[in-house]
Amino acid sequence: MADDQNKRPVNAKLQAEIDAQLNQHRVPKIEKKSRTRIEKMILVMSWLMVILMVGSVVYAAVSALGWM
């Protein structure tokens, strides 16, 4: 299947025009923004909620099995 693609004739002028157009529109590099204070607080609170929920599920399972 890869051999079929290599057999196609390539229009050099068209390929050069495509390359020139692609080179004009480079994707700008995105600078990594630092998190704001509120975003950090939300992240910490969400992790605390996850830990709390996992703990409550474990507690419920242990209680249901009668291990405590």
PDB file of N, CA and C in Angstrom:
ATOM      1  N   MET A   1       0.821  -1.183   0.000  1.00  0.00           N
ATOM      2  CA  MET A   1       0.000   0.000   0.000  1.00  0.00           C
ATOM      3  C   MET A   1       0.868   1.251   0.000  1.00  0.00           C
ATOM      4  N   ALA A   2       1.970   1.229   0.702  1.00  0.00           N
ATOM      5  CA  ALA A   2       2.880   2.372   0.706  1.00  0.00           C
ATOM      6  C   ALA A   2       3.529   2.543  -0.661  1.00  0.00           C
ATOM      7  N   ASP A   3       3.679   1.431  -1.394  1.00  0.00           N
ATOM      8  CA  ASP A   3       4.279   1.519  -2.727  1.00  0.00           C
ATOM      9  C   ASP A   3       3.371   2.278  -3.689  1.00  0.00           C
ATOM     10  N   ASP A   4       2.044   2.143  -3.497  1.00  0.00           N
ATOM     11  CA  ASP A   4       1.108   2.852  -4.363  1.00  0.00           C
ATOM     12  C   ASP A   4       1.248   4.362  -4.204  1.00  0.00           C
ATOM     13  N   GLN A   5       1.510   4.822  -3.008  1.00  0.00           N
ATOM     14  CA  GLN A   5       1.638   6.252  -2.772  1.00  0.00           C
ATOM     15  C   GLN A   5       2.933   6.796  -3.362  1.00  0.00           C
ATOM     16  N   ASN A   6       3.980   5.999  -3.382  1.00  0.00           N
ATOM     17  CA  ASN A   6       5.257   6.459  -3.914  1.00  0.00           C
ATOM     18  C   ASN A   6       5.243   6.563  -5.433  1.00  0.00           C
ATOM     19  N   LYS A   7       4.337   5.851  -6.115  1.00  0.00           N
ATOM     20  CA  LYS A   7       4.297   5.850  -7.574  1.00  0.00           C
ATOM     21  C   LYS A   7       3.616   7.089  -8.145  1.00  0.00           C
ATOM     22  N   ARG A   8       2.902   7.841  -7.331  1.00  0.00           N
ATOM     23  CA  ARG A   8       2.191   9.013  -7.838  1.00  0.00           C
ATOM     24  C   ARG A   8       3.176  10.080  -8.293  1.00  0.00           C
ATOM     25  N   PRO A   9       2.880  10.735  -9.418  1.00  0.00           N
ATOM     26  CA  PRO A   9       3.749  11.838  -9.845  1.00  0.00           C
ATOM     27  C   PRO A   9       3.539  13.054  -8.945  1.00  0.00           C
ATOM     28  N   VAL A  10       4.609  13.763  -8.659  1.00  0.00           N
ATOM     29  CA  VAL A  10       4.548  14.930  -7.789  1.00  0.00           C
ATOM     30  C   VAL A  10       4.752  16.174  -8.633  1.00  0.00           C
ATOM     31  N   ASN A  11       3.823  17.105  -8.514  1.00  0.00           N
ATOM     32  CA  ASN A  11       3.947  18.370  -9.212  1.00  0.00           C
ATOM     33  C   ASN A  11       4.858  19.259  -8.371  1.00  0.00           C
ATOM     34  N   ALA A  12       6.076  19.504  -8.857  1.00  0.00           N
ATOM     35  CA  ALA A  12       7.085  20.225  -8.073  1.00  0.00           C
ATOM     36  C   ALA A  12       6.654  21.664  -7.795  1.00  0.00           C
ATOM     37  N   LYS A  13       6.037  22.305  -8.800  1.00  0.00           N
ATOM     38  CA  LYS A  13       5.615  23.694  -8.618  1.00  0.00           C
ATOM     39  C   LYS A  13       4.522  23.795  -7.551  1.00  0.00           C
ATOM     40  N   LEU A  14       3.574  22.876  -7.622  1.00  0.00           N
ATOM     41  CA  LEU A  14       2.498  22.864  -6.641  1.00  0.00           C
ATOM     42  C   LEU A  14       3.036  22.538  -5.246  1.00  0.00           C
ATOM     43  N   GLN A  15       3.962  21.586  -5.178  1.00  0.00           N
ATOM     44  CA  GLN A  15       4.550  21.225  -3.888  1.00  0.00           C
ATOM     45  C   GLN A  15       5.314  22.401  -3.289  1.00  0.00           C
ATOM     46  N   ALA A  16       6.034  23.153  -4.125  1.00  0.00           N
ATOM     47  CA  ALA A  16       6.774  24.323  -3.646  1.00  0.00           C
ATOM     48  C   ALA A  16       5.815  25.392  -3.134  1.00  0.00           C
ATOM     49  N   GLU A  17       4.687  25.573  -3.827  1.00  0.00           N
ATOM     50  CA  GLU A  17       3.700  26.560  -3.391  1.00  0.00           C
ATOM     51  C   GLU A  17       3.071  26.154  -2.054  1.00  0.00           C
ATOM     52  N   ILE A  18       2.790  24.871  -1.913  1.00  0.00           N
ATOM     53  CA  ILE A  18       2.222  24.378  -0.656  1.00  0.00           C
ATOM     54  C   ILE A  18       3.210  24.576   0.483  1.00  0.00           C
ATOM     55  N   ASP A  19       4.476  24.246   0.244  1.00  0.00           N
ATOM     56  CA  ASP A  19       5.499  24.422   1.281  1.00  0.00           C
ATOM     57  C   ASP A  19       5.652  25.890   1.658  1.00  0.00           C
ATOM     58  N   ALA A  20       5.594  26.780   0.658  1.00  0.00           N
ATOM     59  CA  ALA A  20       5.723  28.209   0.938  1.00  0.00           C
ATOM     60  C   ALA A  20       4.549  28.700   1.784  1.00  0.00           C
ATOM     61  N   GLN A  21       3.346  28.240   1.461  1.00  0.00           N
ATOM     62  CA  GLN A  21       2.166  28.640   2.235  1.00  0.00           C
ATOM     63  C   GLN A  21       2.247  28.125   3.670  1.00  0.00           C
ATOM     64  N   LEU A  22       2.711  26.886   3.816  1.00  0.00           N
ATOM     65  CA  LEU A  22       2.824  26.323   5.163  1.00  0.00           C
ATOM     66  C   LEU A  22       3.893  27.038   5.977  1.00  0.00           C
ATOM     67  N   ASN A  23       4.966  27.453   5.340  1.00  0.00           N
ATOM     68  CA  ASN A  23       6.039  28.142   6.051  1.00  0.00           C
ATOM     69  C   ASN A  23       5.620  29.547   6.486  1.00  0.00           C
ATOM     70  N   GLN A  24       4.669  30.147   5.789  1.00  0.00           N
ATOM     71  CA  GLN A  24       4.207  31.484   6.156  1.00  0.00           C
ATOM     72  C   GLN A  24       3.410  31.461   7.454  1.00  0.00           C
ATOM     73  N   HIS A  25       2.710  30.375   7.689  1.00  0.00           N
ATOM     74  CA  HIS A  25       1.798  30.311   8.835  1.00  0.00           C
ATOM     75  C   HIS A  25       2.336  29.345   9.877  1.00  0.00           C
ATOM     76  N   ARG A  26       3.414  29.712  10.494  1.00  0.00           N
ATOM     77  CA  ARG A  26       3.981  28.891  11.563  1.00  0.00           C
ATOM     78  C   ARG A  26       3.091  28.982  12.802  1.00  0.00           C
ATOM     79  N   VAL A  27       2.988  27.908  13.519  1.00  0.00           N
ATOM     80  CA  VAL A  27       2.208  27.900  14.750  1.00  0.00           C
ATOM     81  C   VAL A  27       3.040  28.575  15.831  1.00  0.00           C
ATOM     82  N   PRO A  28       2.514  29.616  16.448  1.00  0.00           N
ATOM     83  CA  PRO A  28       3.293  30.299  17.489  1.00  0.00           C
ATOM     84  C   PRO A  28       3.458  29.408  18.709  1.00  0.00           C
ATOM     85  N   LYS A  29       4.617  29.539  19.343  1.00  0.00           N
ATOM     86  CA  LYS A  29       4.854  28.758  20.553  1.00  0.00           C
ATOM     87  C   LYS A  29       4.047  29.368  21.697  1.00  0.00           C
ATOM     88  N   ILE A  30       3.440  28.505  22.454  1.00  0.00           N
ATOM     89  CA  ILE A  30       2.604  28.954  23.562  1.00  0.00           C
ATOM     90  C   ILE A  30       3.453  28.973  24.825  1.00  0.00           C
ATOM     91  N   GLU A  31       3.491  30.125  25.452  1.00  0.00           N
ATOM     92  CA  GLU A  31       4.231  30.233  26.703  1.00  0.00           C
ATOM     93  C   GLU A  31       3.375  29.658  27.822  1.00  0.00           C
ATOM     94  N   LYS A  32       3.999  28.852  28.665  1.00  0.00           N
ATOM     95  CA  LYS A  32       3.260  28.248  29.766  1.00  0.00           C
ATOM     96  C   LYS A  32       2.978  29.306  30.822  1.00  0.00           C
ATOM     97  N   LYS A  33       1.699  29.495  31.095  1.00  0.00           N
ATOM     98  CA  LYS A  33       1.302  30.490  32.080  1.00  0.00           C
ATOM     99  C   LYS A  33       1.341  29.861  33.468  1.00  0.00           C
ATOM    100  N   SER A  34       1.771  30.637  34.438  1.00  0.00           N
ATOM    101  CA  SER A  34       1.760  30.131  35.805  1.00  0.00           C
ATOM    102  C   SER A  34       0.333  30.193  36.339  1.00  0.00           C
ATOM    103  N   ARG A  35       0.030  29.266  37.226  1.00  0.00           N
ATOM    104  CA  ARG A  35      -1.320  29.220  37.776  1.00  0.00           C
ATOM    105  C   ARG A  35      -1.537  30.367  38.752  1.00  0.00           C
ATOM    106  N   THR A  36      -2.728  30.886  38.722  1.00  0.00           N
ATOM    107  CA  THR A  36      -3.066  31.949  39.664  1.00  0.00           C
ATOM    108  C   THR A  36      -3.354  31.339  41.033  1.00  0.00           C
ATOM    109  N   ARG A  37      -3.478  32.194  42.018  1.00  0.00           N
ATOM    110  CA  ARG A  37      -3.708  31.733  43.390  1.00  0.00           C
ATOM    111  C   ARG A  37      -5.027  30.981  43.508  1.00  0.00           C
ATOM    112  N   ILE A  38      -6.060  31.483  42.837  1.00  0.00           N
ATOM    113  CA  ILE A  38      -7.369  30.827  42.924  1.00  0.00           C
ATOM    114  C   ILE A  38      -7.333  29.466  42.237  1.00  0.00           C
ATOM    115  N   GLU A  39      -6.602  29.345  41.132  1.00  0.00           N
ATOM    116  CA  GLU A  39      -6.491  28.056  40.452  1.00  0.00           C
ATOM    117  C   GLU A  39      -5.771  27.036  41.328  1.00  0.00           C
ATOM    118  N   LYS A  40      -4.743  27.488  42.037  1.00  0.00           N
ATOM    119  CA  LYS A  40      -4.027  26.584  42.943  1.00  0.00           C
ATOM    120  C   LYS A  40      -4.939  26.126  44.073  1.00  0.00           C
ATOM    121  N   MET A  41      -5.738  27.056  44.603  1.00  0.00           N
ATOM    122  CA  MET A  41      -6.656  26.699  45.686  1.00  0.00           C
ATOM    123  C   MET A  41      -7.704  25.705  45.199  1.00  0.00           C
ATOM    124  N   ILE A  42      -8.212  25.905  43.992  1.00  0.00           N
ATOM    125  CA  ILE A  42      -9.214  24.995  43.436  1.00  0.00           C
ATOM    126  C   ILE A  42      -8.609  23.610  43.238  1.00  0.00           C
ATOM    127  N   LEU A  43      -7.375  23.555  42.767  1.00  0.00           N
ATOM    128  CA  LEU A  43      -6.708  22.273  42.556  1.00  0.00           C
ATOM    129  C   LEU A  43      -6.519  21.530  43.876  1.00  0.00           C
ATOM    130  N   VAL A  44      -6.078  22.235  44.902  1.00  0.00           N
ATOM    131  CA  VAL A  44      -5.886  21.615  46.219  1.00  0.00           C
ATOM    132  C   VAL A  44      -7.221  21.136  46.776  1.00  0.00           C
ATOM    133  N   MET A  45      -8.248  21.964  46.657  1.00  0.00           N
ATOM    134  CA  MET A  45      -9.563  21.586  47.181  1.00  0.00           C
ATOM    135  C   MET A  45     -10.128  20.376  46.435  1.00  0.00           C
ATOM    136  N   SER A  46      -9.919  20.315  45.133  1.00  0.00           N
ATOM    137  CA  SER A  46     -10.440  19.176  44.378  1.00  0.00           C
ATOM    138  C   SER A  46      -9.722  17.889  44.775  1.00  0.00           C
ATOM    139  N   TRP A  47      -8.404  17.957  45.000  1.00  0.00           N
ATOM    140  CA  TRP A  47      -7.677  16.765  45.455  1.00  0.00           C
ATOM    141  C   TRP A  47      -8.141  16.352  46.850  1.00  0.00           C
ATOM    142  N   LEU A  48      -8.392  17.309  47.726  1.00  0.00           N
ATOM    143  CA  LEU A  48      -8.906  16.973  49.056  1.00  0.00           C
ATOM    144  C   LEU A  48     -10.273  16.291  48.967  1.00  0.00           C
ATOM    145  N   MET A  49     -11.108  16.760  48.052  1.00  0.00           N
ATOM    146  CA  MET A  49     -12.423  16.143  47.870  1.00  0.00           C
ATOM    147  C   MET A  49     -12.284  14.710  47.360  1.00  0.00           C
ATOM    148  N   VAL A  50     -11.362  14.488  46.444  1.00  0.00           N
ATOM    149  CA  VAL A  50     -11.144  13.133  45.920  1.00  0.00           C
ATOM    150  C   VAL A  50     -10.678  12.214  47.045  1.00  0.00           C
ATOM    151  N   ILE A  51      -9.710  12.681  47.836  1.00  0.00           N
ATOM    152  CA  ILE A  51      -9.199  11.869  48.946  1.00  0.00           C
ATOM    153  C   ILE A  51     -10.307  11.586  49.962  1.00  0.00           C
ATOM    154  N   LEU A  52     -11.117  12.595  50.258  1.00  0.00           N
ATOM    155  CA  LEU A  52     -12.221  12.420  51.199  1.00  0.00           C
ATOM    156  C   LEU A  52     -13.234  11.398  50.689  1.00  0.00           C
ATOM    157  N   MET A  53     -13.566  11.463  49.411  1.00  0.00           N
ATOM    158  CA  MET A  53     -14.538  10.530  48.848  1.00  0.00           C
ATOM    159  C   MET A  53     -13.988   9.108  48.821  1.00  0.00           C
ATOM    160  N   VAL A  54     -12.717   8.952  48.469  1.00  0.00           N
ATOM    161  CA  VAL A  54     -12.114   7.617  48.469  1.00  0.00           C
ATOM    162  C   VAL A  54     -12.098   7.061  49.891  1.00  0.00           C
ATOM    163  N   GLY A  55     -11.750   7.912  50.839  1.00  0.00           N
ATOM    164  CA  GLY A  55     -11.748   7.471  52.232  1.00  0.00           C
ATOM    165  C   GLY A  55     -13.120   7.052  52.706  1.00  0.00           C
ATOM    166  N   SER A  56     -14.141   7.788  52.304  1.00  0.00           N
ATOM    167  CA  SER A  56     -15.497   7.435  52.734  1.00  0.00           C
ATOM    168  C   SER A  56     -15.958   6.128  52.092  1.00  0.00           C
ATOM    169  N   VAL A  57     -15.556   5.871  50.867  1.00  0.00           N
ATOM    170  CA  VAL A  57     -15.909   4.606  50.213  1.00  0.00           C
ATOM    171  C   VAL A  57     -15.210   3.448  50.917  1.00  0.00           C
ATOM    172  N   VAL A  58     -13.943   3.628  51.255  1.00  0.00           N
ATOM    173  CA  VAL A  58     -13.206   2.580  51.971  1.00  0.00           C
ATOM    174  C   VAL A  58     -13.838   2.353  53.342  1.00  0.00           C
ATOM    175  N   TYR A  59     -14.179   3.422  54.028  1.00  0.00           N
ATOM    176  CA  TYR A  59     -14.817   3.301  55.349  1.00  0.00           C
ATOM    177  C   TYR A  59     -16.153   2.561  55.250  1.00  0.00           C
ATOM    178  N   ALA A  60     -16.947   2.889  54.229  1.00  0.00           N
ATOM    179  CA  ALA A  60     -18.239   2.226  54.051  1.00  0.00           C
ATOM    180  C   ALA A  60     -18.049   0.743  53.747  1.00  0.00           C
ATOM    181  N   ALA A  61     -17.043   0.421  52.936  1.00  0.00           N
ATOM    182  CA  ALA A  61     -16.792  -0.981  52.604  1.00  0.00           C
ATOM    183  C   ALA A  61     -16.343  -1.754  53.841  1.00  0.00           C
ATOM    184  N   VAL A  62     -15.458  -1.163  54.628  1.00  0.00           N
ATOM    185  CA  VAL A  62     -14.974  -1.823  55.843  1.00  0.00           C
ATOM    186  C   VAL A  62     -16.120  -1.996  56.837  1.00  0.00           C
ATOM    187  N   SER A  63     -16.966  -0.991  56.956  1.00  0.00           N
ATOM    188  CA  SER A  63     -18.105  -1.083  57.872  1.00  0.00           C
ATOM    189  C   SER A  63     -19.092  -2.151  57.411  1.00  0.00           C
ATOM    190  N   ALA A  64     -19.316  -2.239  56.111  1.00  0.00           N
ATOM    191  CA  ALA A  64     -20.259  -3.219  55.583  1.00  0.00           C
ATOM    192  C   ALA A  64     -19.744  -4.640  55.785  1.00  0.00           C
ATOM    193  N   LEU A  65     -18.439  -4.817  55.707  1.00  0.00           N
ATOM    194  CA  LEU A  65     -17.869  -6.146  55.902  1.00  0.00           C
ATOM    195  C   LEU A  65     -17.738  -6.502  57.378  1.00  0.00           C
ATOM    196  N   GLY A  66     -17.900  -5.527  58.245  1.00  0.00           N
ATOM    197  CA  GLY A  66     -17.852  -5.775  59.678  1.00  0.00           C
ATOM    198  C   GLY A  66     -16.448  -5.955  60.218  1.00  0.00           C
ATOM    199  N   TRP A  67     -15.474  -5.370  59.574  1.00  0.00           N
ATOM    200  CA  TRP A  67     -14.085  -5.509  60.027  1.00  0.00           C
ATOM    201  C   TRP A  67     -13.758  -4.553  61.162  1.00  0.00           C
ATOM    202  N   MET A  68     -14.636  -3.589  61.423  1.00  0.00           N
ATOM    203  CA  MET A  68     -14.343  -2.617  62.478  1.00  0.00           C
ATOM    204  C   MET A  68     -15.194  -2.882  63.693  1.00  0.00           C
TER     205      MET A  68
END
